N, C-alpha and C. Protein backbone atom coordinates (compact mmCIF):
# COMPACT_ATOMS: atom_id res chain seq x y z
N UNK A 1 128.60 120.46 110.65
CA UNK A 1 129.66 119.46 110.43
C UNK A 1 130.86 120.12 109.77
N UNK A 2 132.03 119.95 110.33
CA UNK A 2 133.24 120.49 109.73
C UNK A 2 133.66 119.63 108.56
N UNK A 3 134.13 120.28 107.48
CA UNK A 3 134.61 119.54 106.32
C UNK A 3 135.91 120.14 105.86
N UNK A 4 136.85 119.31 105.44
CA UNK A 4 138.09 119.77 104.86
C UNK A 4 138.25 119.11 103.51
N UNK A 5 138.79 119.84 102.54
CA UNK A 5 139.01 119.26 101.23
C UNK A 5 140.08 118.18 101.30
N UNK A 6 140.02 117.17 100.43
CA UNK A 6 140.95 116.06 100.50
C UNK A 6 142.36 116.44 100.07
N UNK A 7 143.33 115.77 100.69
CA UNK A 7 144.72 115.86 100.25
C UNK A 7 145.02 114.53 99.58
N UNK A 8 145.23 114.54 98.26
CA UNK A 8 145.26 113.28 97.52
C UNK A 8 146.66 112.85 97.10
N UNK A 9 147.70 113.59 97.50
CA UNK A 9 149.02 113.25 97.01
C UNK A 9 149.84 112.46 98.02
N UNK A 10 149.26 112.13 99.16
CA UNK A 10 150.00 111.34 100.12
C UNK A 10 149.03 110.54 100.97
N UNK A 11 149.53 109.49 101.58
CA UNK A 11 148.69 108.64 102.42
C UNK A 11 149.09 108.84 103.87
N UNK A 12 148.17 109.33 104.67
CA UNK A 12 148.45 109.66 106.05
C UNK A 12 148.18 108.45 106.93
N UNK A 13 149.06 107.46 106.90
CA UNK A 13 148.87 106.22 107.63
C UNK A 13 149.55 106.34 108.99
N UNK A 14 148.85 106.93 109.94
CA UNK A 14 149.41 107.17 111.26
C UNK A 14 149.43 105.88 112.06
N UNK A 15 150.40 105.76 112.97
CA UNK A 15 150.48 104.58 113.81
C UNK A 15 149.57 104.69 115.02
N UNK A 16 149.23 105.92 115.43
CA UNK A 16 148.33 106.12 116.55
C UNK A 16 147.20 107.05 116.13
N UNK A 17 146.07 106.94 116.80
CA UNK A 17 144.90 107.75 116.50
C UNK A 17 144.74 108.78 117.61
N UNK A 18 144.56 110.06 117.28
CA UNK A 18 144.36 111.06 118.31
C UNK A 18 143.13 110.74 119.16
N UNK A 19 143.19 111.15 120.43
CA UNK A 19 142.05 110.94 121.31
C UNK A 19 140.81 111.62 120.72
N UNK A 20 139.67 110.96 120.87
CA UNK A 20 138.38 111.45 120.37
C UNK A 20 138.28 111.35 118.84
N UNK A 21 139.24 110.71 118.18
CA UNK A 21 139.19 110.57 116.73
C UNK A 21 139.02 109.10 116.35
N UNK A 22 138.39 108.89 115.22
CA UNK A 22 138.27 107.57 114.62
C UNK A 22 138.78 107.66 113.20
N UNK A 23 139.61 106.71 112.79
CA UNK A 23 140.14 106.72 111.43
C UNK A 23 139.50 105.59 110.63
N UNK A 24 138.91 105.97 109.51
CA UNK A 24 138.21 105.01 108.65
C UNK A 24 138.98 104.81 107.36
N UNK A 25 139.36 103.56 107.09
CA UNK A 25 139.94 103.18 105.80
C UNK A 25 138.79 102.61 104.97
N UNK A 26 138.27 103.43 104.10
CA UNK A 26 137.12 103.08 103.27
C UNK A 26 137.60 102.60 101.91
N UNK A 27 137.20 101.40 101.53
CA UNK A 27 137.77 100.73 100.36
C UNK A 27 136.64 100.23 99.45
N UNK A 28 136.88 100.33 98.15
CA UNK A 28 135.97 99.69 97.20
C UNK A 28 136.45 98.26 96.94
N UNK A 29 135.52 97.38 96.68
CA UNK A 29 135.86 95.98 96.38
C UNK A 29 136.68 95.87 95.09
N UNK A 30 137.24 94.69 94.86
CA UNK A 30 138.03 94.44 93.66
C UNK A 30 137.18 94.18 92.43
N UNK A 31 137.87 94.04 91.31
CA UNK A 31 137.20 93.78 90.03
C UNK A 31 136.36 92.50 90.11
N UNK A 32 135.23 92.49 89.41
CA UNK A 32 134.35 91.33 89.41
C UNK A 32 134.38 90.62 88.05
N UNK A 33 133.69 89.49 87.99
CA UNK A 33 133.66 88.71 86.76
C UNK A 33 132.85 89.39 85.66
N UNK A 34 132.07 90.42 85.99
CA UNK A 34 131.30 91.15 84.98
C UNK A 34 131.86 92.54 84.70
N UNK A 35 133.00 92.86 85.28
CA UNK A 35 133.57 94.19 85.05
C UNK A 35 134.02 94.34 83.60
N UNK A 36 133.85 95.54 83.06
CA UNK A 36 134.32 95.82 81.71
C UNK A 36 133.31 95.58 80.62
N UNK A 37 132.14 95.05 80.96
CA UNK A 37 131.13 94.78 79.95
C UNK A 37 130.13 95.89 79.75
N UNK A 38 130.25 96.95 80.53
CA UNK A 38 129.33 98.07 80.39
C UNK A 38 128.00 97.88 81.09
N UNK A 39 127.84 96.77 81.80
CA UNK A 39 126.59 96.52 82.52
C UNK A 39 126.61 97.24 83.87
N UNK A 40 125.45 97.71 84.28
CA UNK A 40 125.32 98.35 85.59
C UNK A 40 124.89 97.30 86.61
N UNK A 41 125.82 96.99 87.51
CA UNK A 41 125.60 95.94 88.50
C UNK A 41 125.50 96.58 89.88
N UNK A 42 124.35 96.45 90.50
CA UNK A 42 124.17 96.99 91.84
C UNK A 42 123.82 95.91 92.83
N UNK A 43 122.56 95.49 92.84
CA UNK A 43 122.08 94.54 93.84
C UNK A 43 122.38 93.08 93.49
N UNK A 44 122.91 92.82 92.30
CA UNK A 44 123.22 91.43 91.91
C UNK A 44 124.47 90.94 92.62
N UNK A 45 124.46 89.65 92.95
CA UNK A 45 125.62 89.03 93.61
C UNK A 45 126.60 88.55 92.54
N UNK A 46 127.76 89.17 92.49
CA UNK A 46 128.79 88.85 91.50
C UNK A 46 130.11 88.62 92.24
N UNK A 47 130.83 87.52 91.97
CA UNK A 47 132.10 87.28 92.66
C UNK A 47 133.24 88.10 92.06
N UNK A 48 134.34 88.15 92.79
CA UNK A 48 135.55 88.77 92.26
C UNK A 48 136.10 87.93 91.12
N UNK A 49 136.73 88.59 90.17
CA UNK A 49 137.50 87.90 89.14
C UNK A 49 138.86 87.54 89.73
N UNK A 50 139.64 86.78 88.97
CA UNK A 50 140.99 86.46 89.44
C UNK A 50 141.81 87.74 89.59
N UNK A 51 141.64 88.67 88.66
CA UNK A 51 142.34 89.95 88.78
C UNK A 51 141.88 90.71 90.01
N UNK A 52 140.58 90.63 90.32
CA UNK A 52 140.05 91.29 91.51
C UNK A 52 140.66 90.73 92.78
N UNK A 53 140.88 89.43 92.81
CA UNK A 53 141.52 88.81 93.98
C UNK A 53 142.97 89.29 94.10
N UNK A 54 143.66 89.40 92.98
CA UNK A 54 145.03 89.91 93.01
C UNK A 54 145.06 91.35 93.50
N UNK A 55 144.10 92.16 93.07
CA UNK A 55 144.02 93.54 93.54
C UNK A 55 143.84 93.59 95.06
N UNK A 56 142.96 92.75 95.58
CA UNK A 56 142.73 92.71 97.02
C UNK A 56 143.98 92.25 97.77
N UNK A 57 144.69 91.27 97.21
CA UNK A 57 145.92 90.81 97.84
C UNK A 57 146.98 91.91 97.87
N UNK A 58 147.06 92.68 96.80
CA UNK A 58 148.04 93.77 96.74
C UNK A 58 147.72 94.85 97.77
N UNK A 59 146.45 95.16 97.94
CA UNK A 59 146.09 96.14 98.96
C UNK A 59 146.33 95.58 100.36
N UNK A 60 146.03 94.30 100.56
CA UNK A 60 146.29 93.67 101.85
C UNK A 60 147.77 93.75 102.21
N UNK A 61 148.63 93.57 101.23
CA UNK A 61 150.08 93.67 101.46
C UNK A 61 150.45 95.09 101.88
N UNK A 62 149.84 96.07 101.25
CA UNK A 62 150.13 97.47 101.59
C UNK A 62 149.71 97.81 103.02
N UNK A 63 148.60 97.22 103.47
CA UNK A 63 148.03 97.58 104.77
C UNK A 63 148.41 96.63 105.90
N UNK A 64 149.22 95.63 105.62
CA UNK A 64 149.44 94.56 106.60
C UNK A 64 150.11 95.04 107.89
N UNK A 65 150.91 96.10 107.83
CA UNK A 65 151.63 96.56 109.01
C UNK A 65 150.91 97.69 109.75
N UNK A 66 149.70 98.02 109.33
CA UNK A 66 148.90 99.04 110.00
C UNK A 66 147.92 98.34 110.94
N UNK A 67 147.83 98.83 112.16
CA UNK A 67 146.94 98.18 113.13
C UNK A 67 145.50 98.61 112.89
N UNK A 68 144.61 97.63 112.80
CA UNK A 68 143.17 97.89 112.69
C UNK A 68 142.45 97.22 113.85
N UNK A 69 141.42 97.88 114.34
CA UNK A 69 140.66 97.36 115.46
C UNK A 69 139.47 96.50 115.04
N UNK A 70 138.93 96.78 113.86
CA UNK A 70 137.69 96.13 113.45
C UNK A 70 137.57 96.21 111.93
N UNK A 71 136.84 95.25 111.35
CA UNK A 71 136.63 95.23 109.90
C UNK A 71 135.15 95.05 109.58
N UNK A 72 134.58 96.07 108.95
CA UNK A 72 133.20 96.03 108.48
C UNK A 72 133.17 95.83 106.96
N UNK A 73 132.03 95.37 106.46
CA UNK A 73 131.89 95.25 105.01
C UNK A 73 130.41 95.21 104.63
N UNK A 74 130.14 95.54 103.39
CA UNK A 74 128.83 95.24 102.81
C UNK A 74 128.66 93.73 102.82
N UNK A 75 127.43 93.24 102.99
CA UNK A 75 127.23 91.79 103.00
C UNK A 75 127.34 91.14 101.62
N UNK A 76 127.49 91.93 100.56
CA UNK A 76 127.52 91.37 99.22
C UNK A 76 128.84 90.65 98.96
N UNK A 77 128.77 89.60 98.14
CA UNK A 77 129.89 88.67 97.97
C UNK A 77 131.18 89.37 97.58
N UNK A 78 131.13 90.30 96.64
CA UNK A 78 132.35 90.94 96.16
C UNK A 78 133.04 91.75 97.25
N UNK A 79 132.26 92.29 98.18
CA UNK A 79 132.86 93.03 99.30
C UNK A 79 133.38 92.09 100.38
N UNK A 80 132.60 91.06 100.68
CA UNK A 80 133.06 90.10 101.69
C UNK A 80 134.36 89.43 101.27
N UNK A 81 134.45 89.07 100.00
CA UNK A 81 135.66 88.41 99.51
C UNK A 81 136.86 89.35 99.58
N UNK A 82 136.68 90.60 99.18
CA UNK A 82 137.76 91.59 99.29
C UNK A 82 138.15 91.79 100.74
N UNK A 83 137.16 91.91 101.62
CA UNK A 83 137.43 92.15 103.04
C UNK A 83 138.18 90.99 103.68
N UNK A 84 137.91 89.77 103.23
CA UNK A 84 138.62 88.62 103.79
C UNK A 84 140.12 88.72 103.56
N UNK A 85 140.52 89.16 102.37
CA UNK A 85 141.95 89.35 102.09
C UNK A 85 142.54 90.41 103.02
N UNK A 86 141.81 91.50 103.23
CA UNK A 86 142.34 92.61 104.01
C UNK A 86 142.37 92.30 105.50
N UNK A 87 141.37 91.56 105.98
CA UNK A 87 141.27 91.28 107.41
C UNK A 87 142.20 90.16 107.87
N UNK A 88 142.56 89.26 106.96
CA UNK A 88 143.34 88.08 107.33
C UNK A 88 144.64 88.40 108.05
N UNK A 89 145.48 89.34 107.57
CA UNK A 89 146.74 89.61 108.28
C UNK A 89 146.53 90.14 109.70
N UNK A 90 145.35 90.68 109.97
CA UNK A 90 145.07 91.27 111.28
C UNK A 90 144.21 90.36 112.15
N UNK A 91 143.87 89.19 111.61
CA UNK A 91 143.06 88.20 112.33
C UNK A 91 141.75 88.81 112.84
N UNK A 92 141.10 89.56 111.96
CA UNK A 92 139.84 90.20 112.30
C UNK A 92 138.66 89.46 111.67
N UNK A 93 137.59 89.33 112.42
CA UNK A 93 136.35 88.80 111.86
C UNK A 93 135.65 89.89 111.07
N UNK A 94 134.89 89.49 110.07
CA UNK A 94 134.13 90.45 109.27
C UNK A 94 132.79 90.75 109.94
N UNK A 95 132.42 92.02 109.93
CA UNK A 95 131.12 92.44 110.44
C UNK A 95 130.31 93.01 109.27
N UNK A 96 129.38 92.25 108.71
CA UNK A 96 128.59 92.75 107.58
C UNK A 96 127.55 93.76 108.04
N UNK A 97 127.35 94.79 107.22
CA UNK A 97 126.36 95.84 107.51
C UNK A 97 125.40 95.90 106.33
N UNK A 98 124.18 95.47 106.53
CA UNK A 98 123.22 95.35 105.43
C UNK A 98 122.96 96.68 104.74
N UNK A 99 122.98 97.78 105.50
CA UNK A 99 122.67 99.09 104.93
C UNK A 99 123.72 99.57 103.93
N UNK A 100 124.89 98.92 103.90
CA UNK A 100 125.96 99.35 103.01
C UNK A 100 126.00 98.57 101.70
N UNK A 101 124.95 97.84 101.39
CA UNK A 101 124.87 97.15 100.10
C UNK A 101 124.84 98.19 98.97
N UNK A 102 125.15 97.75 97.76
CA UNK A 102 125.23 98.67 96.63
C UNK A 102 123.84 99.17 96.22
N UNK A 103 123.83 100.27 95.47
CA UNK A 103 122.58 100.83 94.95
C UNK A 103 121.81 99.77 94.17
N UNK A 104 120.49 99.84 94.26
CA UNK A 104 119.63 98.91 93.53
C UNK A 104 119.17 99.59 92.24
N UNK A 105 119.55 99.03 91.11
CA UNK A 105 119.14 99.58 89.81
C UNK A 105 117.78 99.07 89.35
N UNK A 106 117.10 98.29 90.15
CA UNK A 106 115.75 97.85 89.82
C UNK A 106 115.68 97.13 88.48
N UNK A 107 114.78 97.58 87.62
CA UNK A 107 114.61 96.95 86.31
C UNK A 107 115.82 97.14 85.40
N UNK A 108 116.70 98.06 85.76
CA UNK A 108 117.90 98.30 84.94
C UNK A 108 119.09 97.46 85.38
N UNK A 109 118.89 96.66 86.40
CA UNK A 109 120.00 95.84 86.90
C UNK A 109 120.56 94.95 85.79
N UNK A 110 121.87 95.04 85.57
CA UNK A 110 122.55 94.22 84.59
C UNK A 110 122.48 94.73 83.17
N UNK A 111 121.85 95.90 82.95
CA UNK A 111 121.73 96.45 81.60
C UNK A 111 122.86 97.44 81.30
N UNK A 112 123.11 97.65 80.02
CA UNK A 112 124.01 98.71 79.59
C UNK A 112 123.22 100.02 79.50
N UNK A 113 123.94 101.13 79.33
CA UNK A 113 123.27 102.43 79.18
C UNK A 113 122.31 102.43 77.99
N UNK A 114 122.75 101.84 76.89
CA UNK A 114 121.92 101.80 75.70
C UNK A 114 120.63 101.01 75.95
N UNK A 115 120.76 99.91 76.66
CA UNK A 115 119.58 99.09 76.97
C UNK A 115 118.64 99.82 77.94
N UNK A 116 119.21 100.54 78.90
CA UNK A 116 118.38 101.33 79.82
C UNK A 116 117.52 102.34 79.06
N UNK A 117 118.16 103.05 78.14
CA UNK A 117 117.46 104.10 77.41
C UNK A 117 116.30 103.54 76.60
N UNK A 118 116.47 102.36 76.04
CA UNK A 118 115.40 101.74 75.25
C UNK A 118 114.20 101.40 76.14
N UNK A 119 114.47 100.93 77.35
CA UNK A 119 113.37 100.47 78.21
C UNK A 119 112.53 101.61 78.77
N UNK A 120 113.16 102.75 79.07
CA UNK A 120 112.43 103.88 79.68
C UNK A 120 113.14 105.18 79.33
N UNK A 121 112.98 105.67 78.10
CA UNK A 121 113.77 106.81 77.62
C UNK A 121 113.61 108.08 78.45
N UNK A 122 112.40 108.41 78.89
CA UNK A 122 112.21 109.65 79.65
C UNK A 122 112.87 109.57 81.03
N UNK A 123 112.69 108.45 81.70
CA UNK A 123 113.33 108.27 83.01
C UNK A 123 114.84 108.25 82.84
N UNK A 124 115.31 107.63 81.78
CA UNK A 124 116.76 107.55 81.55
C UNK A 124 117.36 108.94 81.40
N UNK A 125 116.73 109.82 80.64
CA UNK A 125 117.26 111.17 80.46
C UNK A 125 117.28 111.93 81.79
N UNK A 126 116.22 111.77 82.59
CA UNK A 126 116.19 112.42 83.90
C UNK A 126 117.26 111.85 84.81
N UNK A 127 117.47 110.54 84.74
CA UNK A 127 118.48 109.87 85.57
C UNK A 127 119.89 110.31 85.19
N UNK A 128 120.14 110.47 83.90
CA UNK A 128 121.45 110.96 83.45
C UNK A 128 121.70 112.37 83.97
N UNK A 129 120.67 113.20 83.97
CA UNK A 129 120.81 114.60 84.38
C UNK A 129 120.91 114.73 85.90
N UNK A 130 120.11 113.97 86.63
CA UNK A 130 120.09 114.07 88.09
C UNK A 130 119.91 112.70 88.73
N UNK A 131 121.02 111.94 88.88
CA UNK A 131 120.93 110.63 89.51
C UNK A 131 120.69 110.72 91.01
N UNK A 132 120.79 111.93 91.56
CA UNK A 132 120.49 112.09 92.98
C UNK A 132 119.02 111.91 93.28
N UNK A 133 118.18 112.51 92.46
CA UNK A 133 116.73 112.47 92.71
C UNK A 133 116.00 111.42 91.88
N UNK A 134 116.55 111.01 90.75
CA UNK A 134 115.84 110.11 89.84
C UNK A 134 116.14 108.66 90.16
N UNK A 135 115.08 107.88 90.28
CA UNK A 135 115.22 106.44 90.53
C UNK A 135 115.15 105.67 89.22
N UNK A 136 115.97 104.62 89.11
CA UNK A 136 115.74 103.64 88.06
C UNK A 136 114.38 103.00 88.32
N UNK A 137 113.69 102.50 87.28
CA UNK A 137 112.40 101.85 87.51
C UNK A 137 112.51 100.73 88.55
N UNK A 138 111.75 100.86 89.63
CA UNK A 138 111.74 99.90 90.75
C UNK A 138 113.09 99.86 91.47
N UNK A 139 113.90 100.92 91.32
CA UNK A 139 115.21 100.96 91.96
C UNK A 139 115.35 102.13 92.91
N UNK A 140 116.61 102.49 93.20
CA UNK A 140 116.91 103.55 94.15
C UNK A 140 117.52 104.76 93.45
N UNK A 141 117.33 105.92 94.04
CA UNK A 141 118.03 107.13 93.63
C UNK A 141 119.27 107.31 94.50
N UNK A 142 120.13 108.25 94.12
CA UNK A 142 121.28 108.56 94.95
C UNK A 142 120.88 109.03 96.34
N UNK A 143 119.82 109.84 96.41
CA UNK A 143 119.36 110.33 97.72
C UNK A 143 118.79 109.19 98.56
N UNK A 144 118.16 108.21 97.93
CA UNK A 144 117.72 107.01 98.66
C UNK A 144 118.92 106.31 99.30
N UNK A 145 119.99 106.21 98.54
CA UNK A 145 121.19 105.54 99.05
C UNK A 145 121.77 106.31 100.23
N UNK A 146 121.88 107.64 100.11
CA UNK A 146 122.41 108.43 101.21
C UNK A 146 121.56 108.28 102.47
N UNK A 147 120.25 108.29 102.31
CA UNK A 147 119.36 108.10 103.46
C UNK A 147 119.60 106.76 104.12
N UNK A 148 119.91 105.75 103.33
CA UNK A 148 120.15 104.40 103.85
C UNK A 148 121.50 104.27 104.53
N UNK A 149 122.56 104.86 103.92
CA UNK A 149 123.91 104.61 104.42
C UNK A 149 124.34 105.58 105.52
N UNK A 150 123.78 106.77 105.56
CA UNK A 150 124.27 107.77 106.52
C UNK A 150 124.17 107.30 107.97
N UNK A 151 123.03 106.77 108.43
CA UNK A 151 122.98 106.28 109.81
C UNK A 151 123.98 105.16 110.08
N UNK A 152 124.20 104.30 109.08
CA UNK A 152 125.15 103.19 109.27
C UNK A 152 126.57 103.71 109.46
N UNK A 153 127.00 104.66 108.62
CA UNK A 153 128.33 105.24 108.77
C UNK A 153 128.46 105.95 110.11
N UNK A 154 127.49 106.76 110.46
CA UNK A 154 127.59 107.55 111.69
C UNK A 154 127.60 106.67 112.93
N UNK A 155 126.78 105.62 112.93
CA UNK A 155 126.78 104.69 114.06
C UNK A 155 128.11 103.98 114.19
N UNK A 156 128.63 103.50 113.07
CA UNK A 156 129.91 102.80 113.06
C UNK A 156 131.04 103.67 113.60
N UNK A 157 131.12 104.90 113.11
CA UNK A 157 132.20 105.79 113.51
C UNK A 157 132.11 106.18 114.98
N UNK A 158 130.90 106.43 115.47
CA UNK A 158 130.76 106.85 116.86
C UNK A 158 131.01 105.71 117.84
N UNK A 159 130.93 104.46 117.37
CA UNK A 159 131.16 103.30 118.24
C UNK A 159 132.63 103.04 118.51
N UNK A 160 133.53 103.65 117.74
CA UNK A 160 134.95 103.29 117.83
C UNK A 160 135.85 104.51 118.05
N UNK A 161 135.64 105.27 119.12
CA UNK A 161 136.52 106.43 119.36
C UNK A 161 137.96 105.99 119.59
N UNK A 162 138.88 106.69 118.95
CA UNK A 162 140.30 106.38 119.11
C UNK A 162 140.74 105.12 118.41
N UNK A 163 139.91 104.58 117.51
CA UNK A 163 140.24 103.33 116.84
C UNK A 163 140.33 103.52 115.33
N UNK A 164 140.86 102.48 114.68
CA UNK A 164 141.01 102.50 113.22
C UNK A 164 140.14 101.39 112.63
N UNK A 165 139.33 101.76 111.65
CA UNK A 165 138.34 100.85 111.08
C UNK A 165 138.69 100.54 109.62
N UNK A 166 138.58 99.27 109.26
CA UNK A 166 138.59 98.84 107.86
C UNK A 166 137.15 98.68 107.41
N UNK A 167 136.83 99.19 106.24
CA UNK A 167 135.48 99.03 105.70
C UNK A 167 135.55 98.84 104.19
N UNK A 168 134.94 97.76 103.70
CA UNK A 168 134.88 97.49 102.26
C UNK A 168 133.44 97.66 101.80
N UNK A 169 133.24 98.57 100.86
CA UNK A 169 131.90 98.83 100.33
C UNK A 169 131.98 98.94 98.81
N UNK A 170 131.11 99.74 98.23
CA UNK A 170 130.89 99.74 96.79
C UNK A 170 131.18 101.10 96.17
N UNK A 171 131.28 101.10 94.86
CA UNK A 171 131.59 102.33 94.12
C UNK A 171 130.58 103.44 94.40
N UNK A 172 129.30 103.15 94.21
CA UNK A 172 128.29 104.19 94.39
C UNK A 172 128.12 104.56 95.85
N UNK A 173 128.12 103.59 96.73
CA UNK A 173 128.04 103.88 98.17
C UNK A 173 129.17 104.81 98.59
N UNK A 174 130.39 104.48 98.21
CA UNK A 174 131.54 105.30 98.60
C UNK A 174 131.46 106.69 97.99
N UNK A 175 131.12 106.77 96.72
CA UNK A 175 131.04 108.08 96.05
C UNK A 175 130.01 108.99 96.73
N UNK A 176 128.86 108.44 97.03
CA UNK A 176 127.80 109.25 97.63
C UNK A 176 128.19 109.70 99.03
N UNK A 177 128.80 108.82 99.81
CA UNK A 177 129.21 109.22 101.16
C UNK A 177 130.31 110.28 101.10
N UNK A 178 131.27 110.11 100.22
CA UNK A 178 132.34 111.10 100.10
C UNK A 178 131.80 112.43 99.60
N UNK A 179 130.88 112.41 98.65
CA UNK A 179 130.23 113.65 98.20
C UNK A 179 129.57 114.36 99.37
N UNK A 180 128.88 113.60 100.18
CA UNK A 180 128.21 114.17 101.36
C UNK A 180 129.21 114.84 102.29
N UNK A 181 130.34 114.18 102.54
CA UNK A 181 131.35 114.76 103.43
C UNK A 181 131.98 116.01 102.84
N UNK A 182 132.09 116.06 101.53
CA UNK A 182 132.69 117.21 100.85
C UNK A 182 131.69 118.35 100.64
N UNK A 183 130.45 118.14 101.06
CA UNK A 183 129.46 119.18 100.88
C UNK A 183 128.95 119.33 99.47
N UNK A 184 129.15 118.29 98.66
CA UNK A 184 128.70 118.31 97.27
C UNK A 184 127.29 117.71 97.17
N UNK A 185 126.47 118.17 96.23
CA UNK A 185 125.14 117.57 96.08
C UNK A 185 125.25 116.12 95.62
N UNK A 186 124.31 115.32 96.06
CA UNK A 186 124.32 113.90 95.68
C UNK A 186 124.28 113.74 94.16
N UNK A 187 123.61 114.64 93.47
CA UNK A 187 123.48 114.55 92.02
C UNK A 187 124.82 114.60 91.30
N UNK A 188 125.87 115.09 91.98
CA UNK A 188 127.18 115.23 91.34
C UNK A 188 128.11 114.05 91.59
N UNK A 189 127.61 112.98 92.24
CA UNK A 189 128.53 111.94 92.71
C UNK A 189 129.31 111.26 91.59
N UNK A 190 128.75 111.15 90.40
CA UNK A 190 129.47 110.47 89.31
C UNK A 190 130.65 111.30 88.81
N UNK A 191 130.53 112.62 88.86
CA UNK A 191 131.59 113.49 88.35
C UNK A 191 132.55 113.95 89.44
N UNK A 192 132.05 114.09 90.66
CA UNK A 192 132.85 114.70 91.73
C UNK A 192 133.84 113.74 92.36
N UNK A 193 133.53 112.45 92.37
CA UNK A 193 134.34 111.49 93.12
C UNK A 193 134.57 110.24 92.27
N UNK A 194 135.83 109.85 92.10
CA UNK A 194 136.17 108.59 91.45
C UNK A 194 136.34 107.49 92.48
N UNK A 195 136.06 106.26 92.08
CA UNK A 195 136.28 105.09 92.94
C UNK A 195 136.64 103.91 92.06
N UNK A 196 137.95 103.69 91.88
CA UNK A 196 138.41 102.56 91.09
C UNK A 196 138.41 101.30 91.94
N UNK A 197 138.66 100.16 91.31
CA UNK A 197 138.67 98.90 92.05
C UNK A 197 139.75 98.92 93.13
N UNK A 198 139.38 98.51 94.33
CA UNK A 198 140.21 98.50 95.55
C UNK A 198 140.77 99.89 95.88
N UNK A 199 140.06 100.94 95.46
CA UNK A 199 140.47 102.30 95.82
C UNK A 199 140.45 102.46 97.33
N UNK A 200 141.45 103.18 97.85
CA UNK A 200 141.57 103.44 99.28
C UNK A 200 141.26 104.90 99.56
N UNK A 201 140.39 105.13 100.53
CA UNK A 201 140.06 106.46 101.02
C UNK A 201 140.28 106.47 102.53
N UNK A 202 140.86 107.53 103.06
CA UNK A 202 141.09 107.63 104.50
C UNK A 202 140.36 108.85 105.04
N UNK A 203 139.52 108.61 106.04
CA UNK A 203 138.68 109.64 106.62
C UNK A 203 138.90 109.66 108.13
N UNK A 204 139.12 110.83 108.68
CA UNK A 204 139.22 110.96 110.13
C UNK A 204 137.96 111.62 110.66
N UNK A 205 137.37 110.97 111.64
CA UNK A 205 136.13 111.46 112.26
C UNK A 205 136.43 111.87 113.69
N UNK A 206 135.99 113.06 114.07
CA UNK A 206 136.15 113.53 115.45
C UNK A 206 134.80 113.96 116.00
N UNK A 207 134.66 113.80 117.29
CA UNK A 207 133.42 114.21 117.96
C UNK A 207 133.79 114.91 119.25
N UNK A 208 133.44 116.19 119.33
CA UNK A 208 133.72 117.00 120.52
C UNK A 208 132.47 117.79 120.88
N UNK A 209 132.11 117.69 122.15
CA UNK A 209 130.94 118.43 122.65
C UNK A 209 129.71 118.18 121.79
N UNK A 210 129.57 116.93 121.36
CA UNK A 210 128.41 116.55 120.57
C UNK A 210 128.44 116.96 119.12
N UNK A 211 129.55 117.54 118.67
CA UNK A 211 129.67 117.98 117.28
C UNK A 211 130.60 117.06 116.51
N UNK A 212 130.17 116.65 115.31
CA UNK A 212 130.96 115.73 114.48
C UNK A 212 131.74 116.51 113.44
N UNK A 213 132.97 116.07 113.19
CA UNK A 213 133.80 116.66 112.15
C UNK A 213 134.47 115.58 111.33
N UNK A 214 134.69 115.85 110.05
CA UNK A 214 135.31 114.89 109.14
C UNK A 214 136.45 115.54 108.39
N UNK A 215 137.54 114.80 108.23
CA UNK A 215 138.67 115.26 107.44
C UNK A 215 139.10 114.12 106.52
N UNK A 216 139.19 114.39 105.23
CA UNK A 216 139.58 113.37 104.25
C UNK A 216 141.03 113.59 103.86
N UNK A 217 141.89 112.62 104.14
CA UNK A 217 143.31 112.77 103.82
C UNK A 217 143.72 112.01 102.57
N UNK A 218 142.85 111.13 102.06
CA UNK A 218 143.18 110.35 100.87
C UNK A 218 141.89 109.94 100.17
N UNK A 219 141.89 110.06 98.84
CA UNK A 219 140.73 109.63 98.06
C UNK A 219 141.17 108.88 96.82
N UNK A 220 140.49 107.76 96.58
CA UNK A 220 140.65 106.99 95.34
C UNK A 220 142.11 106.65 95.06
N UNK A 221 142.83 106.25 96.08
CA UNK A 221 144.24 105.87 95.91
C UNK A 221 144.34 104.41 95.47
N UNK A 222 145.07 104.17 94.38
CA UNK A 222 145.29 102.80 93.89
C UNK A 222 146.78 102.55 93.67
N UNK A 223 147.61 103.21 94.47
CA UNK A 223 149.05 103.07 94.32
C UNK A 223 149.57 101.67 94.59
N UNK A 224 148.74 100.83 95.22
CA UNK A 224 149.16 99.46 95.53
C UNK A 224 149.08 98.54 94.32
N UNK A 225 148.36 98.95 93.27
CA UNK A 225 148.18 98.07 92.11
C UNK A 225 149.42 98.08 91.23
N UNK A 226 149.81 96.89 90.81
CA UNK A 226 151.03 96.76 90.01
C UNK A 226 150.68 96.21 88.63
């Protein structure tokens, strides 16, 4: 797989897509009603906050004049709600993809770091050191997430040659996928890749002679937020 390092100082919003290429606008959902409390929220259903809705509206305004062929999203409420704002100007229906749901923190769902450490101190230390291989109790590891999301991303991209895709997913899902494209180990996803609320990432996928290539032209862009 070909990989190119990201160019983060500009947004390559082309009006046309090269033949045999697919352009993916990968977005994180907006702020939720539990953001800022230090709790780790993965598999729980949490709605957007009012600020999160404003963030989604601001990104929708930025992207309104770009043509999109299709809009995918995680089936979780915070992603569906964000995607509705983005898809509305383009009159696109949402296509939920179950495999793109957020990481499952298991017994640690909704806890702070301090609370996690109290419940399972040895697992917590291993998880802090290597979140790629270490699972939260009854939860998923980073490598579990990559195994789950990789076929979904690859299927989606190969289905839309020459098209532009909108996709709204989650912080950890996006970080792990971007780490994978950059050739970084899954264990580094927290340090290697940032994903702020409604962050925009642009990825170009090409397939020639059965070989897939990826080029990242934008990562974690939040220039639309005011």
